[in-house]
Amino acid sequence: MSFVLYALTTEKAVGAIERDNKLTFIVEGKAKKAEVKKEIEAKYGEKVVSVNTLHTLDGRKKAVVRFERAGAASDLAAKLKLI
């Protein structure tokens, strides 16, 4: 089962890519942090340091993923055509 739906491209999310080496994804509501981490590592081949999740007011679930390698978020964002 795929837990990660798509990457978020808000102004704040794009700022986190450059500043904090983080990407923000919208995930399934029942997804757990460990499941998101495992899927991101398998799908994109980058080591994940941490995953923080939160529920938005409109009912979606966000996962903010921080990568180990410096510049990994920028490379992945370019690969996904976010920036």
PDB file of N, CA and C in Angstrom:
ATOM      1  N   MET A   1       0.839  -1.189   0.000  1.00  0.00           N
ATOM      2  CA  MET A   1       0.000   0.000   0.000  1.00  0.00           C
ATOM      3  C   MET A   1       0.877   1.243   0.000  1.00  0.00           C
ATOM      4  N   SER A   2       0.497   2.205  -0.799  1.00  0.00           N
ATOM      5  CA  SER A   2       1.244   3.452  -0.887  1.00  0.00           C
ATOM      6  C   SER A   2       0.651   4.464   0.089  1.00  0.00           C
ATOM      7  N   PHE A   3       1.495   4.954   1.001  1.00  0.00           N
ATOM      8  CA  PHE A   3       1.044   5.909   1.997  1.00  0.00           C
ATOM      9  C   PHE A   3       1.262   7.352   1.552  1.00  0.00           C
ATOM     10  N   VAL A   4       2.306   7.591   0.757  1.00  0.00           N
ATOM     11  CA  VAL A   4       2.645   8.945   0.310  1.00  0.00           C
ATOM     12  C   VAL A   4       1.828   9.268  -0.936  1.00  0.00           C
ATOM     13  N   LEU A   5       1.052  10.358  -0.869  1.00  0.00           N
ATOM     14  CA  LEU A   5       0.203  10.728  -1.997  1.00  0.00           C
ATOM     15  C   LEU A   5       0.913  11.675  -2.959  1.00  0.00           C
ATOM     16  N   TYR A   6       1.401  12.816  -2.435  1.00  0.00           N
ATOM     17  CA  TYR A   6       2.107  13.790  -3.278  1.00  0.00           C
ATOM     18  C   TYR A   6       2.893  14.754  -2.408  1.00  0.00           C
ATOM     19  N   ALA A   7       3.830  15.462  -3.046  1.00  0.00           N
ATOM     20  CA  ALA A   7       4.646  16.458  -2.348  1.00  0.00           C
ATOM     21  C   ALA A   7       3.912  17.794  -2.359  1.00  0.00           C
ATOM     22  N   LEU A   8       4.078  18.548  -1.291  1.00  0.00           N
ATOM     23  CA  LEU A   8       3.410  19.840  -1.135  1.00  0.00           C
ATOM     24  C   LEU A   8       4.333  20.959  -1.608  1.00  0.00           C
ATOM     25  N   THR A   9       3.763  21.944  -2.307  1.00  0.00           N
ATOM     26  CA  THR A   9       4.582  23.024  -2.861  1.00  0.00           C
ATOM     27  C   THR A   9       4.095  24.397  -2.414  1.00  0.00           C
ATOM     28  N   THR A  10       3.868  24.559  -1.133  1.00  0.00           N
ATOM     29  CA  THR A  10       3.522  25.878  -0.612  1.00  0.00           C
ATOM     30  C   THR A  10       4.806  26.686  -0.414  1.00  0.00           C
ATOM     31  N   GLU A  11       4.657  27.967  -0.162  1.00  0.00           N
ATOM     32  CA  GLU A  11       5.822  28.828   0.051  1.00  0.00           C
ATOM     33  C   GLU A  11       6.643  28.358   1.255  1.00  0.00           C
ATOM     34  N   LYS A  12       5.952  27.980   2.313  1.00  0.00           N
ATOM     35  CA  LYS A  12       6.634  27.495   3.518  1.00  0.00           C
ATOM     36  C   LYS A  12       7.357  26.170   3.253  1.00  0.00           C
ATOM     37  N   ALA A  13       6.735  25.275   2.502  1.00  0.00           N
ATOM     38  CA  ALA A  13       7.338  23.973   2.196  1.00  0.00           C
ATOM     39  C   ALA A  13       8.582  24.131   1.326  1.00  0.00           C
ATOM     40  N   VAL A  14       8.532  25.033   0.358  1.00  0.00           N
ATOM     41  CA  VAL A  14       9.687  25.271  -0.511  1.00  0.00           C
ATOM     42  C   VAL A  14      10.822  25.921   0.281  1.00  0.00           C
ATOM     43  N   GLY A  15      10.497  26.793   1.215  1.00  0.00           N
ATOM     44  CA  GLY A  15      11.516  27.395   2.077  1.00  0.00           C
ATOM     45  C   GLY A  15      12.226  26.357   2.921  1.00  0.00           C
ATOM     46  N   ALA A  16      11.485  25.359   3.397  1.00  0.00           N
ATOM     47  CA  ALA A  16      12.067  24.294   4.220  1.00  0.00           C
ATOM     48  C   ALA A  16      13.019  23.418   3.412  1.00  0.00           C
ATOM     49  N   ILE A  17      12.783  23.310   2.118  1.00  0.00           N
ATOM     50  CA  ILE A  17      13.681  22.528   1.261  1.00  0.00           C
ATOM     51  C   ILE A  17      15.068  23.137   1.296  1.00  0.00           C
ATOM     52  N   GLU A  18      15.150  24.434   1.074  1.00  0.00           N
ATOM     53  CA  GLU A  18      16.441  25.117   1.000  1.00  0.00           C
ATOM     54  C   GLU A  18      17.064  25.333   2.379  1.00  0.00           C
ATOM     55  N   ARG A  19      16.243  25.667   3.360  1.00  0.00           N
ATOM     56  CA  ARG A  19      16.743  26.044   4.677  1.00  0.00           C
ATOM     57  C   ARG A  19      17.047  24.845   5.577  1.00  0.00           C
ATOM     58  N   ASP A  20      16.145  23.863   5.616  1.00  0.00           N
ATOM     59  CA  ASP A  20      16.233  22.789   6.607  1.00  0.00           C
ATOM     60  C   ASP A  20      16.456  21.398   6.031  1.00  0.00           C
ATOM     61  N   ASN A  21      16.599  21.271   4.708  1.00  0.00           N
ATOM     62  CA  ASN A  21      16.779  19.971   4.061  1.00  0.00           C
ATOM     63  C   ASN A  21      15.566  19.071   4.324  1.00  0.00           C
ATOM     64  N   LYS A  22      14.354  19.660   4.217  1.00  0.00           N
ATOM     65  CA  LYS A  22      13.110  18.935   4.480  1.00  0.00           C
ATOM     66  C   LYS A  22      12.170  19.029   3.289  1.00  0.00           C
ATOM     67  N   LEU A  23      11.424  17.959   3.069  1.00  0.00           N
ATOM     68  CA  LEU A  23      10.348  17.941   2.082  1.00  0.00           C
ATOM     69  C   LEU A  23       9.042  17.653   2.811  1.00  0.00           C
ATOM     70  N   THR A  24       7.957  18.249   2.332  1.00  0.00           N
ATOM     71  CA  THR A  24       6.644  18.048   2.935  1.00  0.00           C
ATOM     72  C   THR A  24       5.772  17.254   1.968  1.00  0.00           C
ATOM     73  N   PHE A  25       5.180  16.191   2.480  1.00  0.00           N
ATOM     74  CA  PHE A  25       4.317  15.324   1.679  1.00  0.00           C
ATOM     75  C   PHE A  25       2.935  15.255   2.310  1.00  0.00           C
ATOM     76  N   ILE A  26       1.921  15.068   1.465  1.00  0.00           N
ATOM     77  CA  ILE A  26       0.581  14.735   1.935  1.00  0.00           C
ATOM     78  C   ILE A  26       0.522  13.208   1.913  1.00  0.00           C
ATOM     79  N   VAL A  27       0.096  12.637   3.042  1.00  0.00           N
ATOM     80  CA  VAL A  27       0.081  11.177   3.173  1.00  0.00           C
ATOM     81  C   VAL A  27      -1.321  10.704   3.556  1.00  0.00           C
ATOM     82  N   GLU A  28      -1.533   9.397   3.495  1.00  0.00           N
ATOM     83  CA  GLU A  28      -2.795   8.796   3.911  1.00  0.00           C
ATOM     84  C   GLU A  28      -3.052   9.099   5.380  1.00  0.00           C
ATOM     85  N   GLY A  29      -4.287   9.248   5.759  1.00  0.00           N
ATOM     86  CA  GLY A  29      -4.650   9.588   7.125  1.00  0.00           C
ATOM     87  C   GLY A  29      -4.236   8.554   8.159  1.00  0.00           C
ATOM     88  N   LYS A  30      -4.152   7.293   7.767  1.00  0.00           N
ATOM     89  CA  LYS A  30      -3.794   6.219   8.690  1.00  0.00           C
ATOM     90  C   LYS A  30      -2.304   5.897   8.691  1.00  0.00           C
ATOM     91  N   ALA A  31      -1.520   6.618   7.908  1.00  0.00           N
ATOM     92  CA  ALA A  31      -0.089   6.332   7.789  1.00  0.00           C
ATOM     93  C   ALA A  31       0.646   6.657   9.084  1.00  0.00           C
ATOM     94  N   LYS A  32       1.542   5.763   9.464  1.00  0.00           N
ATOM     95  CA  LYS A  32       2.377   5.976  10.639  1.00  0.00           C
ATOM     96  C   LYS A  32       3.734   6.503  10.195  1.00  0.00           C
ATOM     97  N   LYS A  33       4.455   7.145  11.114  1.00  0.00           N
ATOM     98  CA  LYS A  33       5.752   7.735  10.785  1.00  0.00           C
ATOM     99  C   LYS A  33       6.715   6.698  10.213  1.00  0.00           C
ATOM    100  N   ALA A  34       6.782   5.539  10.820  1.00  0.00           N
ATOM    101  CA  ALA A  34       7.705   4.490  10.368  1.00  0.00           C
ATOM    102  C   ALA A  34       7.366   4.024   8.956  1.00  0.00           C
ATOM    103  N   GLU A  35       6.073   3.953   8.637  1.00  0.00           N
ATOM    104  CA  GLU A  35       5.648   3.537   7.300  1.00  0.00           C
ATOM    105  C   GLU A  35       6.029   4.589   6.257  1.00  0.00           C
ATOM    106  N   VAL A  36       5.858   5.855   6.614  1.00  0.00           N
ATOM    107  CA  VAL A  36       6.227   6.942   5.700  1.00  0.00           C
ATOM    108  C   VAL A  36       7.731   6.929   5.469  1.00  0.00           C
ATOM    109  N   LYS A  37       8.507   6.781   6.536  1.00  0.00           N
ATOM    110  CA  LYS A  37       9.967   6.744   6.430  1.00  0.00           C
ATOM    111  C   LYS A  37      10.415   5.612   5.525  1.00  0.00           C
ATOM    112  N   LYS A  38       9.871   4.442   5.727  1.00  0.00           N
ATOM    113  CA  LYS A  38      10.244   3.262   4.940  1.00  0.00           C
ATOM    114  C   LYS A  38       9.918   3.466   3.462  1.00  0.00           C
ATOM    115  N   GLU A  39       8.742   4.022   3.185  1.00  0.00           N
ATOM    116  CA  GLU A  39       8.340   4.233   1.794  1.00  0.00           C
ATOM    117  C   GLU A  39       9.200   5.289   1.101  1.00  0.00           C
ATOM    118  N   ILE A  40       9.502   6.391   1.787  1.00  0.00           N
ATOM    119  CA  ILE A  40      10.332   7.451   1.197  1.00  0.00           C
ATOM    120  C   ILE A  40      11.728   6.914   0.899  1.00  0.00           C
ATOM    121  N   GLU A  41      12.316   6.177   1.848  1.00  0.00           N
ATOM    122  CA  GLU A  41      13.652   5.623   1.641  1.00  0.00           C
ATOM    123  C   GLU A  41      13.665   4.637   0.474  1.00  0.00           C
ATOM    124  N   ALA A  42      12.648   3.795   0.372  1.00  0.00           N
ATOM    125  CA  ALA A  42      12.590   2.811  -0.711  1.00  0.00           C
ATOM    126  C   ALA A  42      12.319   3.467  -2.067  1.00  0.00           C
ATOM    127  N   LYS A  43      11.423   4.434  -2.080  1.00  0.00           N
ATOM    128  CA  LYS A  43      11.000   5.065  -3.337  1.00  0.00           C
ATOM    129  C   LYS A  43      12.069   5.990  -3.921  1.00  0.00           C
ATOM    130  N   TYR A  44      12.740   6.761  -3.056  1.00  0.00           N
ATOM    131  CA  TYR A  44      13.655   7.788  -3.540  1.00  0.00           C
ATOM    132  C   TYR A  44      15.123   7.503  -3.248  1.00  0.00           C
ATOM    133  N   GLY A  45      15.431   6.483  -2.460  1.00  0.00           N
ATOM    134  CA  GLY A  45      16.814   6.088  -2.228  1.00  0.00           C
ATOM    135  C   GLY A  45      17.629   7.054  -1.380  1.00  0.00           C
ATOM    136  N   GLU A  46      16.978   7.827  -0.541  1.00  0.00           N
ATOM    137  CA  GLU A  46      17.661   8.764   0.357  1.00  0.00           C
ATOM    138  C   GLU A  46      17.394   8.375   1.802  1.00  0.00           C
ATOM    139  N   LYS A  47      18.406   8.500   2.653  1.00  0.00           N
ATOM    140  CA  LYS A  47      18.276   8.173   4.072  1.00  0.00           C
ATOM    141  C   LYS A  47      17.484   9.272   4.770  1.00  0.00           C
ATOM    142  N   VAL A  48      16.440   8.881   5.518  1.00  0.00           N
ATOM    143  CA  VAL A  48      15.576   9.807   6.246  1.00  0.00           C
ATOM    144  C   VAL A  48      16.022   9.863   7.698  1.00  0.00           C
ATOM    145  N   VAL A  49      16.201  11.083   8.225  1.00  0.00           N
ATOM    146  CA  VAL A  49      16.586  11.273   9.624  1.00  0.00           C
ATOM    147  C   VAL A  49      15.357  11.299  10.517  1.00  0.00           C
ATOM    148  N   SER A  50      14.335  12.070  10.114  1.00  0.00           N
ATOM    149  CA  SER A  50      13.139  12.181  10.948  1.00  0.00           C
ATOM    150  C   SER A  50      11.902  12.434  10.100  1.00  0.00           C
ATOM    151  N   VAL A  51      10.764  12.061  10.672  1.00  0.00           N
ATOM    152  CA  VAL A  51       9.461  12.307  10.055  1.00  0.00           C
ATOM    153  C   VAL A  51       8.559  12.907  11.126  1.00  0.00           C
ATOM    154  N   ASN A  52       8.012  14.071  10.859  1.00  0.00           N
ATOM    155  CA  ASN A  52       7.030  14.705  11.747  1.00  0.00           C
ATOM    156  C   ASN A  52       5.706  14.756  11.006  1.00  0.00           C
ATOM    157  N   THR A  53       4.632  14.363  11.679  1.00  0.00           N
ATOM    158  CA  THR A  53       3.323  14.371  11.039  1.00  0.00           C
ATOM    159  C   THR A  53       2.382  15.323  11.768  1.00  0.00           C
ATOM    160  N   LEU A  54       1.390  15.806  11.023  1.00  0.00           N
ATOM    161  CA  LEU A  54       0.368  16.663  11.601  1.00  0.00           C
ATOM    162  C   LEU A  54      -0.879  16.596  10.744  1.00  0.00           C
ATOM    163  N   HIS A  55      -2.010  16.842  11.359  1.00  0.00           N
ATOM    164  CA  HIS A  55      -3.286  16.892  10.650  1.00  0.00           C
ATOM    165  C   HIS A  55      -3.633  18.348  10.407  1.00  0.00           C
ATOM    166  N   THR A  56      -4.019  18.659   9.178  1.00  0.00           N
ATOM    167  CA  THR A  56      -4.395  20.026   8.842  1.00  0.00           C
ATOM    168  C   THR A  56      -5.862  20.254   9.180  1.00  0.00           C
ATOM    169  N   LEU A  57      -6.273  21.500   9.163  1.00  0.00           N
ATOM    170  CA  LEU A  57      -7.661  21.831   9.472  1.00  0.00           C
ATOM    171  C   LEU A  57      -8.639  21.314   8.429  1.00  0.00           C
ATOM    172  N   ASP A  58      -8.163  21.116   7.205  1.00  0.00           N
ATOM    173  CA  ASP A  58      -9.053  20.600   6.162  1.00  0.00           C
ATOM    174  C   ASP A  58      -9.054  19.066   6.094  1.00  0.00           C
ATOM    175  N   GLY A  59      -8.483  18.406   7.094  1.00  0.00           N
ATOM    176  CA  GLY A  59      -8.583  16.954   7.200  1.00  0.00           C
ATOM    177  C   GLY A  59      -7.479  16.149   6.553  1.00  0.00           C
ATOM    178  N   ARG A  60      -6.501  16.799   5.967  1.00  0.00           N
ATOM    179  CA  ARG A  60      -5.393  16.068   5.359  1.00  0.00           C
ATOM    180  C   ARG A  60      -4.307  15.815   6.396  1.00  0.00           C
ATOM    181  N   LYS A  61      -3.419  14.888   6.101  1.00  0.00           N
ATOM    182  CA  LYS A  61      -2.298  14.602   6.986  1.00  0.00           C
ATOM    183  C   LYS A  61      -1.008  14.923   6.251  1.00  0.00           C
ATOM    184  N   LYS A  62      -0.164  15.742   6.882  1.00  0.00           N
ATOM    185  CA  LYS A  62       1.124  16.125   6.309  1.00  0.00           C
ATOM    186  C   LYS A  62       2.230  15.355   7.005  1.00  0.00           C
ATOM    187  N   ALA A  63       3.283  15.064   6.252  1.00  0.00           N
ATOM    188  CA  ALA A  63       4.493  14.472   6.821  1.00  0.00           C
ATOM    189  C   ALA A  63       5.666  15.338   6.373  1.00  0.00           C
ATOM    190  N   VAL A  64       6.399  15.874   7.339  1.00  0.00           N
ATOM    191  CA  VAL A  64       7.581  16.679   7.046  1.00  0.00           C
ATOM    192  C   VAL A  64       8.784  15.766   7.250  1.00  0.00           C
ATOM    193  N   VAL A  65       9.520  15.523   6.167  1.00  0.00           N
ATOM    194  CA  VAL A  65      10.597  14.539   6.158  1.00  0.00           C
ATOM    195  C   VAL A  65      11.942  15.247   6.060  1.00  0.00           C
ATOM    196  N   ARG A  66      12.839  14.979   7.019  1.00  0.00           N
ATOM    197  CA  ARG A  66      14.188  15.548   6.995  1.00  0.00           C
ATOM    198  C   ARG A  66      15.167  14.475   6.542  1.00  0.00           C
ATOM    199  N   PHE A  67      16.038  14.843   5.612  1.00  0.00           N
ATOM    200  CA  PHE A  67      16.991  13.904   5.025  1.00  0.00           C
ATOM    201  C   PHE A  67      18.370  14.041   5.648  1.00  0.00           C
ATOM    202  N   GLU A  68      19.120  12.944   5.608  1.00  0.00           N
ATOM    203  CA  GLU A  68      20.448  12.909   6.220  1.00  0.00           C
ATOM    204  C   GLU A  68      21.482  13.657   5.375  1.00  0.00           C
ATOM    205  N   ARG A  69      21.532  13.357   4.078  1.00  0.00           N
ATOM    206  CA  ARG A  69      22.537  13.956   3.201  1.00  0.00           C
ATOM    207  C   ARG A  69      22.197  15.420   2.927  1.00  0.00           C
ATOM    208  N   ALA A  70      23.197  16.278   3.069  1.00  0.00           N
ATOM    209  CA  ALA A  70      23.009  17.702   2.775  1.00  0.00           C
ATOM    210  C   ALA A  70      22.654  17.876   1.303  1.00  0.00           C
ATOM    211  N   GLY A  71      21.598  18.616   1.030  1.00  0.00           N
ATOM    212  CA  GLY A  71      21.181  18.865  -0.345  1.00  0.00           C
ATOM    213  C   GLY A  71      20.266  17.795  -0.919  1.00  0.00           C
ATOM    214  N   ALA A  72      19.940  16.784  -0.151  1.00  0.00           N
ATOM    215  CA  ALA A  72      19.084  15.704  -0.652  1.00  0.00           C
ATOM    216  C   ALA A  72      17.679  16.213  -0.977  1.00  0.00           C
ATOM    217  N   ALA A  73      17.152  17.091  -0.132  1.00  0.00           N
ATOM    218  CA  ALA A  73      15.803  17.627  -0.366  1.00  0.00           C
ATOM    219  C   ALA A  73      15.762  18.451  -1.653  1.00  0.00           C
ATOM    220  N   SER A  74      16.794  19.233  -1.905  1.00  0.00           N
ATOM    221  CA  SER A  74      16.858  20.033  -3.140  1.00  0.00           C
ATOM    222  C   SER A  74      16.933  19.137  -4.366  1.00  0.00           C
ATOM    223  N   ASP A  75      17.764  18.104  -4.294  1.00  0.00           N
ATOM    224  CA  ASP A  75      17.897  17.175  -5.416  1.00  0.00           C
ATOM    225  C   ASP A  75      16.582  16.453  -5.690  1.00  0.00           C
ATOM    226  N   LEU A  76      15.929  16.014  -4.634  1.00  0.00           N
ATOM    227  CA  LEU A  76      14.659  15.306  -4.780  1.00  0.00           C
ATOM    228  C   LEU A  76      13.570  16.243  -5.311  1.00  0.00           C
ATOM    229  N   ALA A  77      13.552  17.487  -4.830  1.00  0.00           N
ATOM    230  CA  ALA A  77      12.562  18.457  -5.306  1.00  0.00           C
ATOM    231  C   ALA A  77      12.750  18.731  -6.787  1.00  0.00           C
ATOM    232  N   ALA A  78      13.985  18.808  -7.245  1.00  0.00           N
ATOM    233  CA  ALA A  78      14.242  19.009  -8.672  1.00  0.00           C
ATOM    234  C   ALA A  78      13.800  17.779  -9.468  1.00  0.00           C
ATOM    235  N   LYS A  79      14.064  16.610  -8.920  1.00  0.00           N
ATOM    236  CA  LYS A  79      13.673  15.354  -9.571  1.00  0.00           C
ATOM    237  C   LYS A  79      12.158  15.249  -9.687  1.00  0.00           C
ATOM    238  N   LEU A  80      11.435  15.704  -8.656  1.00  0.00           N
ATOM    239  CA  LEU A  80       9.984  15.680  -8.642  1.00  0.00           C
ATOM    240  C   LEU A  80       9.355  16.887  -9.345  1.00  0.00           C
ATOM    241  N   LYS A  81      10.213  17.795  -9.828  1.00  0.00           N
ATOM    242  CA  LYS A  81       9.801  19.016 -10.528  1.00  0.00           C
ATOM    243  C   LYS A  81       8.965  19.941  -9.646  1.00  0.00           C
ATOM    244  N   LEU A  82       9.387  20.053  -8.373  1.00  0.00           N
ATOM    245  CA  LEU A  82       8.724  20.977  -7.447  1.00  0.00           C
ATOM    246  C   LEU A  82       9.336  22.370  -7.537  1.00  0.00           C
ATOM    247  N   ILE A  83      10.651  22.420  -7.767  1.00  0.00           N
ATOM    248  CA  ILE A  83      11.338  23.713  -7.899  1.00  0.00           C
ATOM    249  C   ILE A  83      12.136  23.724  -9.178  1.00  0.00           C
TER     250      ILE A  83
END
